[in-house]
């Protein structure tokens, strides 16, 4: 599957499942381990986990096997590694604390920022 098609599936699922403040960073020129990072805010640890579970379900339907998932119920940050796309699902507090956009956006252009709802 092409990277852009995978990214579109991820963004669509997160939006459909009420992910908040969906931001995609293009990090192709910054790192060799992924092309895009998608950062999404969830309303609870259960919401974070379900967002990632739905993404996994949809990408598997399209022939993509996730490389790994870190974090579970009780976590304020769930990381889903899809190879060319990495999803960071975070609570608002964790997102504010870690400021991944600031860390990776020094030179990385923001691709998409969506508001759900």
N, C-alpha and C. Protein backbone atom coordinates (compact mmCIF):
# COMPACT_ATOMS: atom_id res chain seq x y z
N UNK A 1 0.84 -1.18 0.00
CA UNK A 1 0.00 0.00 0.00
C UNK A 1 0.89 1.24 0.00
N UNK A 2 0.51 2.20 -0.79
CA UNK A 2 1.24 3.46 -0.85
C UNK A 2 1.10 4.21 0.48
N UNK A 3 2.15 4.93 0.84
CA UNK A 3 2.17 5.66 2.11
C UNK A 3 1.02 6.66 2.20
N UNK A 4 0.76 7.38 1.12
CA UNK A 4 -0.29 8.40 1.15
C UNK A 4 -1.67 7.77 1.34
N UNK A 5 -1.90 6.59 0.77
CA UNK A 5 -3.17 5.89 0.95
C UNK A 5 -3.32 5.42 2.39
N UNK A 6 -2.24 4.93 2.98
CA UNK A 6 -2.25 4.52 4.38
C UNK A 6 -2.54 5.72 5.28
N UNK A 7 -1.88 6.83 5.01
CA UNK A 7 -2.09 8.05 5.78
C UNK A 7 -3.56 8.50 5.71
N UNK A 8 -4.15 8.44 4.54
CA UNK A 8 -5.55 8.85 4.35
C UNK A 8 -6.48 7.96 5.17
N UNK A 9 -6.23 6.65 5.17
CA UNK A 9 -7.05 5.73 5.97
C UNK A 9 -6.96 6.10 7.44
N UNK A 10 -5.75 6.33 7.93
CA UNK A 10 -5.53 6.68 9.34
C UNK A 10 -6.28 7.96 9.68
N UNK A 11 -6.11 8.99 8.88
CA UNK A 11 -6.76 10.27 9.14
C UNK A 11 -8.28 10.13 9.13
N UNK A 12 -8.81 9.39 8.16
CA UNK A 12 -10.26 9.21 8.06
C UNK A 12 -10.83 8.48 9.27
N UNK A 13 -10.16 7.40 9.69
CA UNK A 13 -10.65 6.64 10.84
C UNK A 13 -10.62 7.49 12.09
N UNK A 14 -9.53 8.22 12.31
CA UNK A 14 -9.44 9.06 13.50
C UNK A 14 -10.53 10.12 13.52
N UNK A 15 -10.81 10.70 12.36
CA UNK A 15 -11.86 11.70 12.26
C UNK A 15 -13.24 11.08 12.50
N UNK A 16 -13.51 9.94 11.87
CA UNK A 16 -14.80 9.26 12.02
C UNK A 16 -15.06 8.85 13.47
N UNK A 17 -14.00 8.52 14.19
CA UNK A 17 -14.12 8.03 15.56
C UNK A 17 -13.96 9.14 16.60
N UNK A 18 -14.12 10.37 16.15
CA UNK A 18 -14.14 11.54 17.03
C UNK A 18 -12.81 11.87 17.69
N UNK A 19 -11.70 11.55 17.00
CA UNK A 19 -10.41 12.03 17.47
C UNK A 19 -10.39 13.55 17.37
N UNK A 20 -9.74 14.19 18.30
CA UNK A 20 -9.71 15.65 18.34
C UNK A 20 -8.34 16.18 17.95
N UNK A 21 -8.32 17.34 17.34
CA UNK A 21 -7.08 18.05 17.00
C UNK A 21 -6.10 17.13 16.26
N UNK A 22 -6.57 16.54 15.18
CA UNK A 22 -5.75 15.63 14.38
C UNK A 22 -4.72 16.46 13.61
N UNK A 23 -3.46 16.16 13.85
CA UNK A 23 -2.37 16.87 13.18
C UNK A 23 -1.43 15.86 12.55
N UNK A 24 -1.07 16.09 11.30
CA UNK A 24 -0.14 15.21 10.60
C UNK A 24 1.13 15.97 10.30
N UNK A 25 2.24 15.40 10.72
CA UNK A 25 3.55 16.01 10.46
C UNK A 25 4.30 15.19 9.42
N UNK A 26 4.80 15.85 8.42
CA UNK A 26 5.63 15.22 7.40
C UNK A 26 7.07 15.26 7.90
N UNK A 27 7.61 14.10 8.28
CA UNK A 27 8.96 14.04 8.86
C UNK A 27 9.93 13.27 7.96
N UNK A 28 9.61 13.17 6.68
CA UNK A 28 10.45 12.42 5.74
C UNK A 28 11.88 12.95 5.68
N UNK A 29 12.04 14.24 5.80
CA UNK A 29 13.38 14.83 5.74
C UNK A 29 14.06 14.90 7.11
N UNK A 30 13.36 14.46 8.16
CA UNK A 30 13.89 14.58 9.52
C UNK A 30 14.34 13.27 10.13
N UNK A 31 13.77 12.16 9.65
CA UNK A 31 14.08 10.87 10.26
C UNK A 31 13.96 9.76 9.21
N UNK A 32 14.63 8.67 9.47
CA UNK A 32 14.58 7.55 8.54
C UNK A 32 13.60 6.46 8.97
N UNK A 33 13.01 6.58 10.16
CA UNK A 33 12.17 5.49 10.64
C UNK A 33 10.69 5.62 10.29
N UNK A 34 10.27 6.76 9.79
CA UNK A 34 8.87 6.93 9.37
C UNK A 34 8.78 8.13 8.44
N UNK A 35 7.65 8.21 7.74
CA UNK A 35 7.40 9.34 6.85
C UNK A 35 6.47 10.38 7.48
N UNK A 36 5.46 9.88 8.20
CA UNK A 36 4.47 10.78 8.79
C UNK A 36 4.20 10.41 10.24
N UNK A 37 3.94 11.42 11.04
CA UNK A 37 3.45 11.23 12.40
C UNK A 37 2.09 11.89 12.48
N UNK A 38 1.13 11.12 12.95
CA UNK A 38 -0.22 11.64 13.14
C UNK A 38 -0.45 11.73 14.64
N UNK A 39 -0.77 12.91 15.10
CA UNK A 39 -0.99 13.15 16.53
C UNK A 39 -2.47 13.48 16.70
N UNK A 40 -3.10 12.77 17.64
CA UNK A 40 -4.54 12.94 17.86
C UNK A 40 -4.80 12.96 19.36
N UNK A 41 -5.76 13.77 19.76
CA UNK A 41 -6.17 13.83 21.16
C UNK A 41 -7.44 13.02 21.35
N UNK A 42 -7.45 12.23 22.42
CA UNK A 42 -8.63 11.47 22.80
C UNK A 42 -9.17 12.00 24.12
N UNK A 43 -10.41 11.67 24.40
CA UNK A 43 -11.08 12.21 25.58
C UNK A 43 -10.81 11.40 26.85
N UNK A 44 -10.30 10.17 26.70
CA UNK A 44 -10.02 9.31 27.85
C UNK A 44 -9.05 8.22 27.42
N UNK A 45 -8.53 7.46 28.38
CA UNK A 45 -7.63 6.36 28.02
C UNK A 45 -8.37 5.31 27.19
N UNK A 46 -9.63 5.09 27.47
CA UNK A 46 -10.43 4.14 26.69
C UNK A 46 -10.61 4.64 25.26
N UNK A 47 -10.83 5.94 25.10
CA UNK A 47 -10.97 6.51 23.76
C UNK A 47 -9.67 6.38 22.98
N UNK A 48 -8.53 6.63 23.62
CA UNK A 48 -7.23 6.49 22.95
C UNK A 48 -7.05 5.08 22.42
N UNK A 49 -7.31 4.10 23.28
CA UNK A 49 -7.16 2.70 22.90
C UNK A 49 -8.10 2.33 21.77
N UNK A 50 -9.35 2.78 21.85
CA UNK A 50 -10.31 2.43 20.80
C UNK A 50 -9.96 3.11 19.47
N UNK A 51 -9.44 4.34 19.51
CA UNK A 51 -9.00 4.99 18.27
C UNK A 51 -7.96 4.12 17.56
N UNK A 52 -6.97 3.66 18.32
CA UNK A 52 -5.91 2.84 17.73
C UNK A 52 -6.43 1.48 17.29
N UNK A 53 -7.35 0.89 18.06
CA UNK A 53 -7.94 -0.40 17.68
C UNK A 53 -8.68 -0.29 16.36
N UNK A 54 -9.44 0.80 16.18
CA UNK A 54 -10.16 0.99 14.92
C UNK A 54 -9.19 1.22 13.76
N UNK A 55 -8.13 1.94 13.98
CA UNK A 55 -7.13 2.14 12.92
C UNK A 55 -6.53 0.78 12.54
N UNK A 56 -6.16 -0.01 13.54
CA UNK A 56 -5.58 -1.33 13.27
C UNK A 56 -6.55 -2.17 12.43
N UNK A 57 -7.82 -2.19 12.84
CA UNK A 57 -8.82 -2.97 12.11
C UNK A 57 -8.91 -2.55 10.65
N UNK A 58 -8.94 -1.25 10.41
CA UNK A 58 -9.11 -0.74 9.05
C UNK A 58 -7.86 -0.98 8.19
N UNK A 59 -6.67 -0.77 8.75
CA UNK A 59 -5.48 -0.98 7.93
C UNK A 59 -5.27 -2.47 7.63
N UNK A 60 -5.65 -3.34 8.58
CA UNK A 60 -5.54 -4.77 8.33
C UNK A 60 -6.48 -5.20 7.21
N UNK A 61 -7.66 -4.59 7.14
CA UNK A 61 -8.59 -4.85 6.04
C UNK A 61 -7.96 -4.50 4.70
N UNK A 62 -6.99 -3.58 4.73
CA UNK A 62 -6.32 -3.14 3.52
C UNK A 62 -4.93 -3.76 3.36
N UNK A 63 -4.67 -4.82 4.10
CA UNK A 63 -3.44 -5.59 3.92
C UNK A 63 -2.21 -5.08 4.64
N UNK A 64 -2.37 -4.15 5.57
CA UNK A 64 -1.23 -3.61 6.32
C UNK A 64 -1.21 -4.22 7.71
N UNK A 65 -0.06 -4.76 8.08
CA UNK A 65 0.10 -5.33 9.42
C UNK A 65 0.86 -4.33 10.29
N UNK A 66 0.24 -3.91 11.40
CA UNK A 66 0.92 -2.98 12.31
C UNK A 66 2.21 -3.60 12.84
N UNK A 67 3.24 -2.78 13.00
CA UNK A 67 4.52 -3.26 13.52
C UNK A 67 4.51 -3.33 15.03
N UNK A 68 3.66 -2.53 15.68
CA UNK A 68 3.61 -2.56 17.14
C UNK A 68 2.66 -1.53 17.68
N UNK A 69 2.29 -1.74 18.95
CA UNK A 69 1.45 -0.79 19.66
C UNK A 69 1.96 -0.74 21.09
N UNK A 70 2.08 0.47 21.62
CA UNK A 70 2.53 0.69 23.00
C UNK A 70 1.49 1.49 23.73
N UNK A 71 1.19 1.10 24.95
CA UNK A 71 0.19 1.79 25.76
C UNK A 71 -1.10 1.00 25.73
N UNK A 72 -1.86 1.13 26.79
CA UNK A 72 -3.11 0.38 26.92
C UNK A 72 -4.05 1.17 27.83
N UNK A 73 -5.12 0.53 28.26
CA UNK A 73 -6.02 1.20 29.17
C UNK A 73 -5.23 1.67 30.39
N UNK A 74 -5.47 2.87 30.80
CA UNK A 74 -4.72 3.47 31.90
C UNK A 74 -3.57 4.34 31.42
N UNK A 75 -3.26 4.26 30.13
CA UNK A 75 -2.18 5.07 29.56
C UNK A 75 -2.74 6.40 29.07
N UNK A 76 -1.92 7.44 29.15
CA UNK A 76 -2.34 8.72 28.59
C UNK A 76 -1.72 8.96 27.22
N UNK A 77 -1.03 7.92 26.70
CA UNK A 77 -0.41 8.01 25.38
C UNK A 77 -0.35 6.61 24.80
N UNK A 78 -0.95 6.43 23.63
CA UNK A 78 -0.88 5.16 22.91
C UNK A 78 -0.18 5.43 21.59
N UNK A 79 0.86 4.65 21.32
CA UNK A 79 1.62 4.79 20.09
C UNK A 79 1.34 3.59 19.21
N UNK A 80 0.98 3.84 17.96
CA UNK A 80 0.71 2.80 16.98
C UNK A 80 1.69 2.96 15.83
N UNK A 81 2.52 1.93 15.62
CA UNK A 81 3.54 1.96 14.57
C UNK A 81 3.05 1.20 13.36
N UNK A 82 2.82 1.93 12.27
CA UNK A 82 2.39 1.34 11.01
C UNK A 82 3.51 1.41 9.97
N UNK A 83 4.73 1.62 10.42
CA UNK A 83 5.86 1.73 9.51
C UNK A 83 6.01 3.14 8.98
N UNK A 84 5.44 3.41 7.82
CA UNK A 84 5.55 4.74 7.21
C UNK A 84 4.69 5.79 7.91
N UNK A 85 3.77 5.34 8.76
CA UNK A 85 2.90 6.25 9.52
C UNK A 85 2.91 5.80 10.97
N UNK A 86 3.18 6.74 11.86
CA UNK A 86 3.12 6.47 13.30
C UNK A 86 2.02 7.34 13.89
N UNK A 87 1.15 6.71 14.68
CA UNK A 87 0.05 7.42 15.32
C UNK A 87 0.38 7.61 16.80
N UNK A 88 0.27 8.85 17.26
CA UNK A 88 0.42 9.18 18.68
C UNK A 88 -0.96 9.62 19.16
N UNK A 89 -1.65 8.75 19.89
CA UNK A 89 -2.95 9.10 20.47
C UNK A 89 -2.72 9.47 21.93
N UNK A 90 -3.07 10.69 22.29
CA UNK A 90 -2.72 11.22 23.60
C UNK A 90 -3.90 11.93 24.25
N UNK A 91 -3.90 11.95 25.58
CA UNK A 91 -4.85 12.80 26.29
C UNK A 91 -4.41 14.25 26.08
N UNK A 92 -5.30 15.18 26.32
CA UNK A 92 -4.96 16.60 26.17
C UNK A 92 -3.81 16.99 27.09
N UNK A 93 -3.81 16.45 28.32
CA UNK A 93 -2.76 16.78 29.27
C UNK A 93 -1.39 16.26 28.80
N UNK A 94 -1.36 15.03 28.30
CA UNK A 94 -0.10 14.46 27.81
C UNK A 94 0.38 15.21 26.58
N UNK A 95 -0.53 15.55 25.71
CA UNK A 95 -0.16 16.27 24.49
C UNK A 95 0.42 17.64 24.82
N UNK A 96 -0.19 18.30 25.77
CA UNK A 96 0.31 19.61 26.19
C UNK A 96 1.69 19.48 26.85
N UNK A 97 1.87 18.44 27.64
CA UNK A 97 3.12 18.24 28.36
C UNK A 97 4.28 17.89 27.41
N UNK A 98 4.06 16.93 26.51
CA UNK A 98 5.15 16.46 25.65
C UNK A 98 5.37 17.33 24.42
N UNK A 99 4.38 18.03 23.96
CA UNK A 99 4.48 18.98 22.85
C UNK A 99 5.23 18.40 21.65
N UNK A 100 4.76 17.25 21.16
CA UNK A 100 5.41 16.60 20.01
C UNK A 100 5.41 17.49 18.77
N UNK A 101 4.33 18.24 18.57
CA UNK A 101 4.30 19.13 17.41
C UNK A 101 5.47 20.11 17.45
N UNK A 102 5.73 20.66 18.61
CA UNK A 102 6.82 21.62 18.75
C UNK A 102 8.17 20.93 18.53
N UNK A 103 8.32 19.75 19.10
CA UNK A 103 9.56 19.00 18.97
C UNK A 103 9.87 18.66 17.51
N UNK A 104 8.87 18.15 16.78
CA UNK A 104 9.09 17.70 15.41
C UNK A 104 8.82 18.78 14.38
N UNK A 105 8.18 19.88 14.77
CA UNK A 105 7.80 20.89 13.79
C UNK A 105 8.81 22.01 13.64
N UNK A 106 9.93 21.91 14.29
CA UNK A 106 10.93 22.96 14.15
C UNK A 106 11.17 23.22 12.67
N UNK A 107 11.30 22.15 11.91
CA UNK A 107 11.47 22.28 10.48
C UNK A 107 10.46 21.46 9.69
N UNK A 108 9.70 20.61 10.37
CA UNK A 108 8.75 19.73 9.67
C UNK A 108 7.47 20.49 9.36
N UNK A 109 7.05 20.49 8.09
CA UNK A 109 5.81 21.18 7.75
C UNK A 109 4.60 20.42 8.26
N UNK A 110 3.60 21.16 8.76
CA UNK A 110 2.34 20.54 9.14
C UNK A 110 1.59 20.23 7.87
N UNK A 111 1.16 19.01 7.73
CA UNK A 111 0.39 18.61 6.55
C UNK A 111 -1.08 18.95 6.73
N UNK A 112 -1.65 18.49 7.84
CA UNK A 112 -3.09 18.61 8.02
C UNK A 112 -3.38 18.86 9.48
N UNK A 113 -4.29 19.74 9.74
CA UNK A 113 -4.81 19.87 11.10
C UNK A 113 -6.32 19.93 10.95
N UNK A 114 -7.00 18.98 11.61
CA UNK A 114 -8.44 18.88 11.49
C UNK A 114 -9.07 19.02 12.86
N UNK A 115 -10.26 19.54 12.88
CA UNK A 115 -11.07 19.59 14.09
C UNK A 115 -12.21 18.62 13.89
N UNK A 116 -12.35 17.66 14.78
CA UNK A 116 -13.46 16.71 14.68
C UNK A 116 -14.73 17.37 15.18
N UNK A 117 -15.84 16.88 14.65
CA UNK A 117 -17.13 17.34 15.15
C UNK A 117 -17.61 18.49 14.39
